[in-house]
């Protein structure tokens, strides 16, 4: 990949950007950077991404080290750079936008910016006939290259029924709680105080969750200086090892602070975390639900406590609240909170 020497960022270029002060760039004395090899997609996989701050450069860490970039940033909108930074995997790209016009604009801008670097994007595919009509036939994927856009069946439409059945089969096999139709919209805790909610909560009951494999499940929340919440989920596996994962929760709308999104992987969309009810001192009722294709939904629910046990009458009250919200409680299971001495 030919690179002009003057465009290669150097360590001194980062001094004016505080958010990149810990990034170390290896110096190069070459006018050309070239990666030669086969079966090395992991070498280009982003391990860490530092987003742009105040219009400054962004940085990406791979197995090969850090790289910084801001070329042509002033010529394109943020969505184009977000797509390039987070939606490309080696030479494949998968992106989703809200409207057909946005999709067409993104297609045009991606083609333009990649052409500046000597790359030509082809094999485009979309679930929109309008978007495909805006893409020249020679740039479309072979599945839609000669397709009659007025009457032909899109591959996405052809596969939709199979995809839905696979999704439902996977959910059933994993014991997930799935239902036809869209997610219910239960009311959440009024005047939610996020500060009082911080600390450790223990899982008392839950709807099935395939990502939970052990017992003694607990979550610890810590408020960060930027207003987000550090999340640490931990469980005790059958081999005696503590399994944990850390993420970040964010309030989506300040007017509804009890509705948060939790993400455990950079670049991945967050999962809903709705606090339906809590007294902050003893119990919390949490609900999460995601729609799929507008046809069915998979939901989760947790009854949490500040201790590893909760009185039966309080648990029963949470059952009533879930049922009143339209959430099925038939598949709630009791969590094992015994033998948890190894948990921090």
C-alpha atoms as a PDB file:
ATOM      1  CA  UNK A   1       0.000   0.000   0.000  1.00  0.00           C
ATOM      2  CA  UNK A   2       2.015   3.021  -1.187  1.00  0.00           C
ATOM      3  CA  UNK A   3       2.193   5.892   1.300  1.00  0.00           C
ATOM      4  CA  UNK A   4       3.673   9.362   0.806  1.00  0.00           C
ATOM      5  CA  UNK A   5       6.370   9.913   3.431  1.00  0.00           C
ATOM      6  CA  UNK A   6       4.886  13.291   4.433  1.00  0.00           C
ATOM      7  CA  UNK A   7       1.569  11.641   5.276  1.00  0.00           C
ATOM      8  CA  UNK A   8       3.032   9.093   7.696  1.00  0.00           C
ATOM      9  CA  UNK A   9       2.223  10.301  11.251  1.00  0.00           C
ATOM     10  CA  UNK A  10       5.163  10.607  13.619  1.00  0.00           C
ATOM     11  CA  UNK A  11       5.445  10.626  17.384  1.00  0.00           C
ATOM     12  CA  UNK A  12       5.863  14.407  17.569  1.00  0.00           C
ATOM     13  CA  UNK A  13       2.613  14.873  15.635  1.00  0.00           C
ATOM     14  CA  UNK A  14       0.701  13.366  18.560  1.00  0.00           C
ATOM     15  CA  UNK A  15       1.959  15.793  21.202  1.00  0.00           C
ATOM     16  CA  UNK A  16      -0.832  18.297  20.549  1.00  0.00           C
ATOM     17  CA  UNK A  17      -3.536  15.640  21.053  1.00  0.00           C
ATOM     18  CA  UNK A  18      -3.904  14.711  24.778  1.00  0.00           C
ATOM     19  CA  UNK A  19      -6.190  11.772  24.031  1.00  0.00           C
ATOM     20  CA  UNK A  20      -3.304  10.104  22.137  1.00  0.00           C
ATOM     21  CA  UNK A  21      -0.508  10.849  24.593  1.00  0.00           C
ATOM     22  CA  UNK A  22      -0.032   7.182  25.547  1.00  0.00           C
ATOM     23  CA  UNK A  23       0.150   5.968  21.934  1.00  0.00           C
ATOM     24  CA  UNK A  24       3.626   5.008  20.706  1.00  0.00           C
ATOM     25  CA  UNK A  25       4.231   5.111  16.953  1.00  0.00           C
ATOM     26  CA  UNK A  26       7.211   3.208  15.598  1.00  0.00           C
ATOM     27  CA  UNK A  27       9.316   5.371  13.284  1.00  0.00           C
ATOM     28  CA  UNK A  28       9.632   4.312   9.657  1.00  0.00           C
ATOM     29  CA  UNK A  29      12.200   5.382   7.093  1.00  0.00           C
ATOM     30  CA  UNK A  30      10.302   3.952   4.159  1.00  0.00           C
ATOM     31  CA  UNK A  31       8.136   5.469   1.449  1.00  0.00           C
ATOM     32  CA  UNK A  32       6.178   2.231   1.099  1.00  0.00           C
ATOM     33  CA  UNK A  33       4.462   0.091   3.680  1.00  0.00           C
ATOM     34  CA  UNK A  34       3.495  -3.376   2.493  1.00  0.00           C
ATOM     35  CA  UNK A  35       2.004  -6.346   4.321  1.00  0.00           C
ATOM     36  CA  UNK A  36       2.659  -9.618   2.516  1.00  0.00           C
ATOM     37  CA  UNK A  37       1.156 -12.892   3.608  1.00  0.00           C
ATOM     38  CA  UNK A  38      -1.803 -15.232   3.584  1.00  0.00           C
ATOM     39  CA  UNK A  39      -4.485 -16.020   6.141  1.00  0.00           C
ATOM     40  CA  UNK A  40      -3.536 -13.067   8.334  1.00  0.00           C
ATOM     41  CA  UNK A  41      -6.831 -11.241   8.986  1.00  0.00           C
ATOM     42  CA  UNK A  42      -6.021 -11.216  12.714  1.00  0.00           C
ATOM     43  CA  UNK A  43      -3.024  -9.006  11.968  1.00  0.00           C
ATOM     44  CA  UNK A  44      -5.408  -6.236  10.870  1.00  0.00           C
ATOM     45  CA  UNK A  45      -8.127  -6.825  13.454  1.00  0.00           C
ATOM     46  CA  UNK A  46      -8.607  -3.720  15.655  1.00  0.00           C
ATOM     47  CA  UNK A  47      -7.613  -4.542  19.239  1.00  0.00           C
ATOM     48  CA  UNK A  48      -8.210  -1.030  20.546  1.00  0.00           C
ATOM     49  CA  UNK A  49      -9.658   2.123  19.004  1.00  0.00           C
ATOM     50  CA  UNK A  50      -9.237   5.688  20.242  1.00  0.00           C
ATOM     51  CA  UNK A  51     -11.881   7.892  18.683  1.00  0.00           C
ATOM     52  CA  UNK A  52     -11.285  11.393  17.409  1.00  0.00           C
ATOM     53  CA  UNK A  53     -11.542  14.201  19.991  1.00  0.00           C
ATOM     54  CA  UNK A  54     -12.202  17.825  18.996  1.00  0.00           C
ATOM     55  CA  UNK A  55     -11.547  17.067  15.348  1.00  0.00           C
ATOM     56  CA  UNK A  56      -8.194  15.413  16.035  1.00  0.00           C
ATOM     57  CA  UNK A  57      -6.883  12.145  14.615  1.00  0.00           C
ATOM     58  CA  UNK A  58      -8.056   8.711  15.616  1.00  0.00           C
ATOM     59  CA  UNK A  59      -5.784   5.779  16.467  1.00  0.00           C
ATOM     60  CA  UNK A  60      -6.098   2.032  15.929  1.00  0.00           C
ATOM     61  CA  UNK A  61      -4.067  -0.681  17.617  1.00  0.00           C
ATOM     62  CA  UNK A  62      -3.576  -4.012  15.826  1.00  0.00           C
ATOM     63  CA  UNK A  63      -1.122  -6.868  16.334  1.00  0.00           C
ATOM     64  CA  UNK A  64       1.284  -4.757  14.271  1.00  0.00           C
ATOM     65  CA  UNK A  65       1.089  -1.779  16.648  1.00  0.00           C
ATOM     66  CA  UNK A  66      -0.587   1.629  16.610  1.00  0.00           C
ATOM     67  CA  UNK A  67      -1.564   3.633  13.528  1.00  0.00           C
ATOM     68  CA  UNK A  68      -3.062   7.122  13.404  1.00  0.00           C
ATOM     69  CA  UNK A  69      -5.111   8.669  10.653  1.00  0.00           C
ATOM     70  CA  UNK A  70      -7.019  11.826   9.811  1.00  0.00           C
ATOM     71  CA  UNK A  71      -6.492  12.170   6.056  1.00  0.00           C
ATOM     72  CA  UNK A  72      -9.450  13.692   4.151  1.00  0.00           C
ATOM     73  CA  UNK A  73     -11.480  13.961   7.348  1.00  0.00           C
ATOM     74  CA  UNK A  74     -12.706  17.424   6.480  1.00  0.00           C
ATOM     75  CA  UNK A  75     -14.198  16.186   3.205  1.00  0.00           C
ATOM     76  CA  UNK A  76     -16.623  13.608   4.614  1.00  0.00           C
ATOM     77  CA  UNK A  77     -19.136  13.279   7.409  1.00  0.00           C
ATOM     78  CA  UNK A  78     -18.505  11.309  10.604  1.00  0.00           C
ATOM     79  CA  UNK A  79     -20.608   8.352   9.479  1.00  0.00           C
ATOM     80  CA  UNK A  80     -18.198   7.633   6.625  1.00  0.00           C
ATOM     81  CA  UNK A  81     -15.239   7.442   9.004  1.00  0.00           C
ATOM     82  CA  UNK A  82     -17.198   5.399  11.551  1.00  0.00           C
ATOM     83  CA  UNK A  83     -17.983   2.894   8.785  1.00  0.00           C
ATOM     84  CA  UNK A  84     -14.366   2.669   7.676  1.00  0.00           C
ATOM     85  CA  UNK A  85     -13.077   2.371  11.241  1.00  0.00           C
ATOM     86  CA  UNK A  86     -15.617  -0.100  12.603  1.00  0.00           C
ATOM     87  CA  UNK A  87     -17.489  -1.809   9.749  1.00  0.00           C
ATOM     88  CA  UNK A  88     -14.625  -3.099   7.607  1.00  0.00           C
ATOM     89  CA  UNK A  89     -13.038  -6.488   8.281  1.00  0.00           C
ATOM     90  CA  UNK A  90     -10.016  -6.896   6.002  1.00  0.00           C
ATOM     91  CA  UNK A  91     -11.737  -6.351   2.604  1.00  0.00           C
ATOM     92  CA  UNK A  92     -15.368  -6.858   3.634  1.00  0.00           C
ATOM     93  CA  UNK A  93     -17.778  -4.201   4.871  1.00  0.00           C
ATOM     94  CA  UNK A  94     -21.185  -4.493   6.546  1.00  0.00           C
ATOM     95  CA  UNK A  95     -23.104  -1.325   7.398  1.00  0.00           C
ATOM     96  CA  UNK A  96     -26.682  -0.391   8.276  1.00  0.00           C
ATOM     97  CA  UNK A  97     -28.330   3.028   8.012  1.00  0.00           C
ATOM     98  CA  UNK A  98     -31.772   4.448   8.706  1.00  0.00           C
ATOM     99  CA  UNK A  99     -32.898   5.406   5.195  1.00  0.00           C
ATOM    100  CA  UNK A 100     -32.338   4.583   1.539  1.00  0.00           C
ATOM    101  CA  UNK A 101     -30.958   8.064   0.851  1.00  0.00           C
ATOM    102  CA  UNK A 102     -28.399   7.661   3.637  1.00  0.00           C
ATOM    103  CA  UNK A 103     -27.399   4.309   2.163  1.00  0.00           C
ATOM    104  CA  UNK A 104     -26.895   5.802  -1.292  1.00  0.00           C
ATOM    105  CA  UNK A 105     -24.854   8.697   0.126  1.00  0.00           C
ATOM    106  CA  UNK A 106     -22.741   6.271   2.173  1.00  0.00           C
ATOM    107  CA  UNK A 107     -22.128   4.119  -0.912  1.00  0.00           C
ATOM    108  CA  UNK A 108     -20.992   7.167  -2.897  1.00  0.00           C
ATOM    109  CA  UNK A 109     -18.771   8.587  -0.132  1.00  0.00           C
ATOM    110  CA  UNK A 110     -17.137   5.244   0.662  1.00  0.00           C
ATOM    111  CA  UNK A 111     -16.364   4.761  -3.009  1.00  0.00           C
ATOM    112  CA  UNK A 112     -14.848   8.234  -3.237  1.00  0.00           C
ATOM    113  CA  UNK A 113     -12.655   8.058  -0.151  1.00  0.00           C
ATOM    114  CA  UNK A 114     -11.398   4.560  -0.971  1.00  0.00           C
ATOM    115  CA  UNK A 115     -10.614   5.671  -4.526  1.00  0.00           C
ATOM    116  CA  UNK A 116      -8.381   8.370  -3.037  1.00  0.00           C
ATOM    117  CA  UNK A 117      -6.253   5.565  -1.624  1.00  0.00           C
ATOM    118  CA  UNK A 118      -6.282   3.587  -4.850  1.00  0.00           C
ATOM    119  CA  UNK A 119      -9.019   1.131  -3.881  1.00  0.00           C
ATOM    120  CA  UNK A 120     -12.201   0.338  -5.806  1.00  0.00           C
ATOM    121  CA  UNK A 121     -15.160  -1.041  -3.882  1.00  0.00           C
ATOM    122  CA  UNK A 122     -17.309  -3.578  -5.728  1.00  0.00           C
ATOM    123  CA  UNK A 123     -19.708  -6.488  -5.107  1.00  0.00           C
ATOM    124  CA  UNK A 124     -22.294  -4.256  -3.420  1.00  0.00           C
ATOM    125  CA  UNK A 125     -25.455  -5.847  -2.042  1.00  0.00           C
ATOM    126  CA  UNK A 126     -28.483  -4.241  -0.369  1.00  0.00           C
ATOM    127  CA  UNK A 127     -31.948  -5.204   0.816  1.00  0.00           C
ATOM    128  CA  UNK A 128     -33.303  -2.075  -0.939  1.00  0.00           C
ATOM    129  CA  UNK A 129     -34.173  -2.004  -4.647  1.00  0.00           C
ATOM    130  CA  UNK A 130     -33.821   1.773  -4.601  1.00  0.00           C
ATOM    131  CA  UNK A 131     -30.251   1.552  -3.315  1.00  0.00           C
ATOM    132  CA  UNK A 132     -29.314  -1.158  -5.819  1.00  0.00           C
ATOM    133  CA  UNK A 133     -30.703   0.984  -8.643  1.00  0.00           C
ATOM    134  CA  UNK A 134     -28.225   3.714  -7.682  1.00  0.00           C
ATOM    135  CA  UNK A 135     -25.283   1.302  -7.996  1.00  0.00           C
ATOM    136  CA  UNK A 136     -23.955   0.492 -11.487  1.00  0.00           C
ATOM    137  CA  UNK A 137     -24.473  -3.137 -12.474  1.00  0.00           C
ATOM    138  CA  UNK A 138     -20.736  -3.779 -12.793  1.00  0.00           C
ATOM    139  CA  UNK A 139     -20.256  -2.795  -9.143  1.00  0.00           C
ATOM    140  CA  UNK A 140     -23.038  -4.999  -7.759  1.00  0.00           C
ATOM    141  CA  UNK A 141     -22.592  -8.458  -6.271  1.00  0.00           C
ATOM    142  CA  UNK A 142     -23.111 -11.278  -8.764  1.00  0.00           C
ATOM    143  CA  UNK A 143     -26.383 -12.259  -7.050  1.00  0.00           C
ATOM    144  CA  UNK A 144     -27.994  -8.969  -8.124  1.00  0.00           C
ATOM    145  CA  UNK A 145     -25.866  -7.965 -11.107  1.00  0.00           C
ATOM    146  CA  UNK A 146     -28.487  -8.921 -13.704  1.00  0.00           C
ATOM    147  CA  UNK A 147     -31.521  -8.821 -11.420  1.00  0.00           C
ATOM    148  CA  UNK A 148     -34.757  -7.212 -12.644  1.00  0.00           C
ATOM    149  CA  UNK A 149     -35.184  -4.666  -9.844  1.00  0.00           C
ATOM    150  CA  UNK A 150     -38.869  -4.209 -10.668  1.00  0.00           C
ATOM    151  CA  UNK A 151     -39.918  -7.848 -10.476  1.00  0.00           C
ATOM    152  CA  UNK A 152     -36.987 -10.029  -9.387  1.00  0.00           C
ATOM    153  CA  UNK A 153     -36.649 -11.502  -5.895  1.00  0.00           C
ATOM    154  CA  UNK A 154     -33.775 -10.131  -3.852  1.00  0.00           C
ATOM    155  CA  UNK A 155     -31.466 -12.722  -2.231  1.00  0.00           C
ATOM    156  CA  UNK A 156     -32.242 -11.102   1.118  1.00  0.00           C
ATOM    157  CA  UNK A 157     -35.960 -11.718   0.606  1.00  0.00           C
ATOM    158  CA  UNK A 158     -35.313 -15.283  -0.495  1.00  0.00           C
ATOM    159  CA  UNK A 159     -33.254 -15.988   2.611  1.00  0.00           C
ATOM    160  CA  UNK A 160     -35.452 -14.189   5.138  1.00  0.00           C
ATOM    161  CA  UNK A 161     -37.704 -17.142   5.903  1.00  0.00           C
ATOM    162  CA  UNK A 162     -34.752 -19.481   6.375  1.00  0.00           C
ATOM    163  CA  UNK A 163     -32.965 -16.899   8.529  1.00  0.00           C
ATOM    164  CA  UNK A 164     -36.003 -16.460  10.767  1.00  0.00           C
ATOM    165  CA  UNK A 165     -36.326 -20.204  11.288  1.00  0.00           C
ATOM    166  CA  UNK A 166     -32.610 -20.478  12.100  1.00  0.00           C
ATOM    167  CA  UNK A 167     -32.859 -17.671  14.611  1.00  0.00           C
ATOM    168  CA  UNK A 168     -35.865 -19.210  16.284  1.00  0.00           C
ATOM    169  CA  UNK A 169     -34.244 -22.638  16.322  1.00  0.00           C
ATOM    170  CA  UNK A 170     -31.071 -21.210  17.863  1.00  0.00           C
ATOM    171  CA  UNK A 171     -33.057 -19.369  20.520  1.00  0.00           C
ATOM    172  CA  UNK A 172     -35.032 -22.490  21.377  1.00  0.00           C
ATOM    173  CA  UNK A 173     -31.928 -24.673  21.529  1.00  0.00           C
ATOM    174  CA  UNK A 174     -30.233 -22.267  23.912  1.00  0.00           C
ATOM    175  CA  UNK A 175     -33.280 -22.028  26.156  1.00  0.00           C
ATOM    176  CA  UNK A 176     -33.746 -18.323  25.496  1.00  0.00           C
ATOM    177  CA  UNK A 177     -37.061 -16.627  26.194  1.00  0.00           C
ATOM    178  CA  UNK A 178     -38.374 -15.647  22.762  1.00  0.00           C
ATOM    179  CA  UNK A 179     -41.830 -14.517  21.682  1.00  0.00           C
ATOM    180  CA  UNK A 180     -43.532 -13.455  18.477  1.00  0.00           C
ATOM    181  CA  UNK A 181     -44.207  -9.750  18.100  1.00  0.00           C
ATOM    182  CA  UNK A 182     -42.289  -6.734  19.309  1.00  0.00           C
ATOM    183  CA  UNK A 183     -40.904  -6.048  22.769  1.00  0.00           C
ATOM    184  CA  UNK A 184     -43.266  -4.908  25.523  1.00  0.00           C
ATOM    185  CA  UNK A 185     -42.661  -1.392  26.838  1.00  0.00           C
ATOM    186  CA  UNK A 186     -42.894  -1.611  30.637  1.00  0.00           C
ATOM    187  CA  UNK A 187     -42.709   1.488  32.778  1.00  0.00           C
ATOM    188  CA  UNK A 188     -39.405   2.102  34.525  1.00  0.00           C
ATOM    189  CA  UNK A 189     -38.350   3.443  37.911  1.00  0.00           C
ATOM    190  CA  UNK A 190     -39.439   7.057  38.363  1.00  0.00           C
ATOM    191  CA  UNK A 191     -36.826   9.621  39.409  1.00  0.00           C
ATOM    192  CA  UNK A 192     -34.117   6.980  39.129  1.00  0.00           C
ATOM    193  CA  UNK A 193     -31.027   7.937  41.136  1.00  0.00           C
ATOM    194  CA  UNK A 194     -28.024   6.353  39.466  1.00  0.00           C
ATOM    195  CA  UNK A 195     -25.675   7.237  42.330  1.00  0.00           C
ATOM    196  CA  UNK A 196     -27.734   5.265  44.860  1.00  0.00           C
ATOM    197  CA  UNK A 197     -27.844   2.337  42.445  1.00  0.00           C
ATOM    198  CA  UNK A 198     -24.065   1.903  42.334  1.00  0.00           C
ATOM    199  CA  UNK A 199     -22.404  -1.003  44.128  1.00  0.00           C
ATOM    200  CA  UNK A 200     -22.826  -4.777  43.980  1.00  0.00           C
ATOM    201  CA  UNK A 201     -26.060  -6.607  43.193  1.00  0.00           C
ATOM    202  CA  UNK A 202     -26.599 -10.370  43.441  1.00  0.00           C
ATOM    203  CA  UNK A 203     -28.779 -12.368  41.059  1.00  0.00           C
ATOM    204  CA  UNK A 204     -31.781 -14.000  42.777  1.00  0.00           C
ATOM    205  CA  UNK A 205     -33.916 -15.064  39.788  1.00  0.00           C
ATOM    206  CA  UNK A 206     -33.665 -14.653  36.021  1.00  0.00           C
ATOM    207  CA  UNK A 207     -35.099 -15.541  32.652  1.00  0.00           C
ATOM    208  CA  UNK A 208     -32.733 -17.919  30.793  1.00  0.00           C
ATOM    209  CA  UNK A 209     -29.477 -16.275  29.650  1.00  0.00           C
ATOM    210  CA  UNK A 210     -27.142 -18.386  27.505  1.00  0.00           C
ATOM    211  CA  UNK A 211     -24.150 -16.201  28.393  1.00  0.00           C
ATOM    212  CA  UNK A 212     -24.401 -17.163  32.071  1.00  0.00           C
ATOM    213  CA  UNK A 213     -22.654 -20.502  32.687  1.00  0.00           C
ATOM    214  CA  UNK A 214     -21.979 -20.606  36.417  1.00  0.00           C
ATOM    215  CA  UNK A 215     -23.481 -19.752  39.785  1.00  0.00           C
ATOM    216  CA  UNK A 216     -23.042 -16.954  42.353  1.00  0.00           C
ATOM    217  CA  UNK A 217     -23.769 -14.423  39.606  1.00  0.00           C
ATOM    218  CA  UNK A 218     -23.248 -10.826  40.633  1.00  0.00           C
ATOM    219  CA  UNK A 219     -22.830  -7.392  39.046  1.00  0.00           C
ATOM    220  CA  UNK A 220     -20.831  -4.442  40.350  1.00  0.00           C
ATOM    221  CA  UNK A 221     -21.539  -0.928  39.073  1.00  0.00           C
ATOM    222  CA  UNK A 222     -19.223   2.064  39.465  1.00  0.00           C
ATOM    223  CA  UNK A 223     -20.003   5.595  38.295  1.00  0.00           C
ATOM    224  CA  UNK A 224     -17.217   7.049  36.129  1.00  0.00           C
ATOM    225  CA  UNK A 225     -16.190  10.689  35.818  1.00  0.00           C
ATOM    226  CA  UNK A 226     -17.744  11.041  32.344  1.00  0.00           C
ATOM    227  CA  UNK A 227     -21.171   9.990  33.624  1.00  0.00           C
ATOM    228  CA  UNK A 228     -21.020   6.444  32.247  1.00  0.00           C
ATOM    229  CA  UNK A 229     -21.100   3.370  34.464  1.00  0.00           C
ATOM    230  CA  UNK A 230     -18.405   0.714  34.702  1.00  0.00           C
ATOM    231  CA  UNK A 231     -19.989  -2.752  34.750  1.00  0.00           C
ATOM    232  CA  UNK A 232     -18.330  -5.912  36.053  1.00  0.00           C
ATOM    233  CA  UNK A 233     -20.306  -9.148  35.857  1.00  0.00           C
ATOM    234  CA  UNK A 234     -18.851 -12.191  37.615  1.00  0.00           C
ATOM    235  CA  UNK A 235     -19.815 -15.816  38.200  1.00  0.00           C
ATOM    236  CA  UNK A 236     -18.300 -18.947  39.729  1.00  0.00           C
ATOM    237  CA  UNK A 237     -17.736 -21.773  37.244  1.00  0.00           C
ATOM    238  CA  UNK A 238     -17.999 -25.467  38.045  1.00  0.00           C
ATOM    239  CA  UNK A 239     -14.197 -25.787  38.041  1.00  0.00           C
ATOM    240  CA  UNK A 240     -13.932 -23.252  40.874  1.00  0.00           C
ATOM    241  CA  UNK A 241     -12.659 -20.446  38.662  1.00  0.00           C
ATOM    242  CA  UNK A 242     -14.219 -16.964  38.733  1.00  0.00           C
ATOM    243  CA  UNK A 243     -15.356 -15.876  35.281  1.00  0.00           C
ATOM    244  CA  UNK A 244     -15.886 -12.149  34.770  1.00  0.00           C
ATOM    245  CA  UNK A 245     -16.456  -9.602  32.031  1.00  0.00           C
ATOM    246  CA  UNK A 246     -16.305  -5.811  32.108  1.00  0.00           C
ATOM    247  CA  UNK A 247     -18.283  -3.284  30.116  1.00  0.00           C
ATOM    248  CA  UNK A 248     -19.764   0.197  30.136  1.00  0.00           C
ATOM    249  CA  UNK A 249     -23.365   1.322  30.611  1.00  0.00           C
ATOM    250  CA  UNK A 250     -24.725   4.616  29.327  1.00  0.00           C
ATOM    251  CA  UNK A 251     -27.985   6.441  29.920  1.00  0.00           C
ATOM    252  CA  UNK A 252     -29.667   6.801  26.524  1.00  0.00           C
ATOM    253  CA  UNK A 253     -31.887   9.764  27.390  1.00  0.00           C
ATOM    254  CA  UNK A 254     -31.241  11.997  30.431  1.00  0.00           C
ATOM    255  CA  UNK A 255     -34.988  12.389  30.856  1.00  0.00           C
ATOM    256  CA  UNK A 256     -35.226   8.599  31.409  1.00  0.00           C
ATOM    257  CA  UNK A 257     -32.150   7.720  33.484  1.00  0.00           C
ATOM    258  CA  UNK A 258     -33.520   4.257  34.339  1.00  0.00           C
ATOM    259  CA  UNK A 259     -33.083   3.195  30.699  1.00  0.00           C
ATOM    260  CA  UNK A 260     -29.477   2.326  29.903  1.00  0.00           C
ATOM    261  CA  UNK A 261     -27.491   0.535  27.206  1.00  0.00           C
ATOM    262  CA  UNK A 262     -24.736  -1.847  28.280  1.00  0.00           C
ATOM    263  CA  UNK A 263     -21.878  -2.808  25.964  1.00  0.00           C
ATOM    264  CA  UNK A 264     -19.127  -5.322  26.685  1.00  0.00           C
ATOM    265  CA  UNK A 265     -17.304  -5.150  23.346  1.00  0.00           C
ATOM    266  CA  UNK A 266     -15.940  -2.088  21.568  1.00  0.00           C
ATOM    267  CA  UNK A 267     -17.840  -1.255  18.425  1.00  0.00           C
ATOM    268  CA  UNK A 268     -20.690  -3.610  19.287  1.00  0.00           C
ATOM    269  CA  UNK A 269     -24.200  -2.249  19.833  1.00  0.00           C
ATOM    270  CA  UNK A 270     -25.317  -2.003  23.437  1.00  0.00           C
ATOM    271  CA  UNK A 271     -27.944  -4.197  25.073  1.00  0.00           C
ATOM    272  CA  UNK A 272     -30.950  -2.632  26.824  1.00  0.00           C
ATOM    273  CA  UNK A 273     -30.866  -2.426  30.629  1.00  0.00           C
ATOM    274  CA  UNK A 274     -34.143  -1.126  32.065  1.00  0.00           C
ATOM    275  CA  UNK A 275     -34.512  -0.675  35.810  1.00  0.00           C
ATOM    276  CA  UNK A 276     -38.222  -1.318  36.298  1.00  0.00           C
ATOM    277  CA  UNK A 277     -38.220  -0.997  40.068  1.00  0.00           C
ATOM    278  CA  UNK A 278     -35.745  -0.650  42.929  1.00  0.00           C
ATOM    279  CA  UNK A 279     -35.532   0.603  46.494  1.00  0.00           C
ATOM    280  CA  UNK A 280     -31.713   0.853  46.113  1.00  0.00           C
ATOM    281  CA  UNK A 281     -31.167  -0.852  49.488  1.00  0.00           C
ATOM    282  CA  UNK A 282     -32.569  -4.359  49.060  1.00  0.00           C
ATOM    283  CA  UNK A 283     -33.941  -5.249  45.595  1.00  0.00           C
ATOM    284  CA  UNK A 284     -33.870  -4.302  41.914  1.00  0.00           C
ATOM    285  CA  UNK A 285     -35.961  -5.526  38.985  1.00  0.00           C
ATOM    286  CA  UNK A 286     -34.187  -5.309  35.613  1.00  0.00           C
ATOM    287  CA  UNK A 287     -35.571  -6.035  32.136  1.00  0.00           C
ATOM    288  CA  UNK A 288     -33.884  -6.281  28.729  1.00  0.00           C
ATOM    289  CA  UNK A 289     -35.515  -6.958  25.367  1.00  0.00           C
ATOM    290  CA  UNK A 290     -34.369  -6.888  21.728  1.00  0.00           C
ATOM    291  CA  UNK A 291     -36.551  -7.005  18.602  1.00  0.00           C
ATOM    292  CA  UNK A 292     -35.527  -9.092  15.595  1.00  0.00           C
ATOM    293  CA  UNK A 293     -36.783  -8.175  12.144  1.00  0.00           C
ATOM    294  CA  UNK A 294     -39.905  -6.738  13.761  1.00  0.00           C
ATOM    295  CA  UNK A 295     -41.264 -10.290  13.923  1.00  0.00           C
ATOM    296  CA  UNK A 296     -40.185 -11.654  17.308  1.00  0.00           C
ATOM    297  CA  UNK A 297     -38.245 -10.633  20.381  1.00  0.00           C
ATOM    298  CA  UNK A 298     -35.918 -12.203  22.940  1.00  0.00           C
ATOM    299  CA  UNK A 299     -36.057 -10.894  26.473  1.00  0.00           C
ATOM    300  CA  UNK A 300     -34.192 -11.207  29.759  1.00  0.00           C
ATOM    301  CA  UNK A 301     -35.195 -10.315  33.293  1.00  0.00           C
ATOM    302  CA  UNK A 302     -33.317 -10.320  36.560  1.00  0.00           C
ATOM    303  CA  UNK A 303     -34.430  -9.993  40.158  1.00  0.00           C
ATOM    304  CA  UNK A 304     -31.405  -8.639  42.011  1.00  0.00           C
ATOM    305  CA  UNK A 305     -30.623  -8.050  45.665  1.00  0.00           C
ATOM    306  CA  UNK A 306     -27.975  -6.399  47.806  1.00  0.00           C
ATOM    307  CA  UNK A 307     -27.468  -9.736  49.565  1.00  0.00           C
ATOM    308  CA  UNK A 308     -27.385 -13.313  48.243  1.00  0.00           C
ATOM    309  CA  UNK A 309     -30.941 -13.948  49.467  1.00  0.00           C
ATOM    310  CA  UNK A 310     -34.219 -12.048  49.238  1.00  0.00           C
ATOM    311  CA  UNK A 311     -37.454 -12.518  51.235  1.00  0.00           C
ATOM    312  CA  UNK A 312     -40.159 -14.479  49.429  1.00  0.00           C
ATOM    313  CA  UNK A 313     -42.707 -11.669  49.644  1.00  0.00           C
ATOM    314  CA  UNK A 314     -40.388  -9.224  47.839  1.00  0.00           C
ATOM    315  CA  UNK A 315     -39.689 -11.816  45.129  1.00  0.00           C
ATOM    316  CA  UNK A 316     -43.420 -12.326  44.688  1.00  0.00           C
ATOM    317  CA  UNK A 317     -43.926  -8.579  44.285  1.00  0.00           C
ATOM    318  CA  UNK A 318     -41.366  -8.559  41.451  1.00  0.00           C
ATOM    319  CA  UNK A 319     -43.194 -11.440  39.760  1.00  0.00           C
ATOM    320  CA  UNK A 320     -46.382  -9.378  39.838  1.00  0.00           C
ATOM    321  CA  UNK A 321     -44.618  -6.360  38.341  1.00  0.00           C
ATOM    322  CA  UNK A 322     -43.203  -8.416  35.473  1.00  0.00           C
ATOM    323  CA  UNK A 323     -46.554 -10.028  34.753  1.00  0.00           C
ATOM    324  CA  UNK A 324     -48.292  -6.632  34.779  1.00  0.00           C
ATOM    325  CA  UNK A 325     -45.734  -5.406  32.247  1.00  0.00           C
ATOM    326  CA  UNK A 326     -46.586  -8.242  29.871  1.00  0.00           C
ATOM    327  CA  UNK A 327     -43.441 -10.244  30.605  1.00  0.00           C
ATOM    328  CA  UNK A 328     -43.835 -14.017  30.863  1.00  0.00           C
ATOM    329  CA  UNK A 329     -42.648 -15.241  34.265  1.00  0.00           C
ATOM    330  CA  UNK A 330     -43.204 -18.950  33.605  1.00  0.00           C
ATOM    331  CA  UNK A 331     -39.552 -19.515  32.727  1.00  0.00           C
ATOM    332  CA  UNK A 332     -37.989 -17.611  35.621  1.00  0.00           C
ATOM    333  CA  UNK A 333     -35.351 -19.739  37.330  1.00  0.00           C
ATOM    334  CA  UNK A 334     -33.863 -19.467  40.812  1.00  0.00           C
ATOM    335  CA  UNK A 335     -30.172 -18.568  40.823  1.00  0.00           C
ATOM    336  CA  UNK A 336     -27.744 -20.556  42.958  1.00  0.00           C
ATOM    337  CA  UNK A 337     -26.103 -18.253  45.501  1.00  0.00           C
ATOM    338  CA  UNK A 338     -24.577 -20.945  47.719  1.00  0.00           C
ATOM    339  CA  UNK A 339     -20.902 -21.797  48.105  1.00  0.00           C
ATOM    340  CA  UNK A 340     -19.799 -18.385  46.900  1.00  0.00           C
ATOM    341  CA  UNK A 341     -16.851 -17.831  49.254  1.00  0.00           C
ATOM    342  CA  UNK A 342     -14.404 -17.494  46.332  1.00  0.00           C
ATOM    343  CA  UNK A 343     -16.275 -14.502  44.901  1.00  0.00           C
ATOM    344  CA  UNK A 344     -14.787 -11.071  45.589  1.00  0.00           C
END
